């Protein structure tokens, strides 16, 4: 892992790019607060850990050998993003997510973890990213390949969690600012919902390279 600096830079560039994960964190922070957004970040971290493990087991190769498996995951992920985007656009979503005492906090956090987990886990592009990036930083002459792959995976999950926590905190700050303006809340609702629907459409038509 001599190129750890380059690896960290590559991860930073990836996690700074706007995507469904970022929008989900900002929206959750704005509508449900810091705790729910951080729980969503935890769900995303768990999903990335799963992607690292699946990449190590060669699931990306399965996508190449049996393209229909890629399509199943792609369509399921697009449908889930579309469902969340449409839900954000529904008139009651502004109040249903923020009503005090509407649901127990533990239940709310579990739902947030689940949203983060499914959003990333059902994105085949995230698995392909792990399958392509990680092997480039594995040196067969620097020790056991499995150990190197695992360490790179841990770093990926940790860096992702740091960035996601920042987005969660930013979303919570935006939420506090939006409380002063119902019109701004409506704009935020349509912006985030529209972006998620856009990401769903893009994922639905994504081709395996």
Foldseek 3Di string as FASTA:
>chain_A
DVVVVVLLVVLVVVLPDDDLLLLLLLQCCQQANLLLSLLLLLLLLVLLLVLLVCLVVPVVVVCVVPVVVVLVLLLVLLVLLLVVLVCLLDPCSNCVNHPPPPDDPVVSSVVSSVSSNSNRNSQVVSSVCLNPSQVVPADPVPDDRVVSSVVSSVVSSVSSSVSSSVSNVVSNVVNVVCVVPPVVVNVSSNVSSVRSNVNSVCSNPDDDD
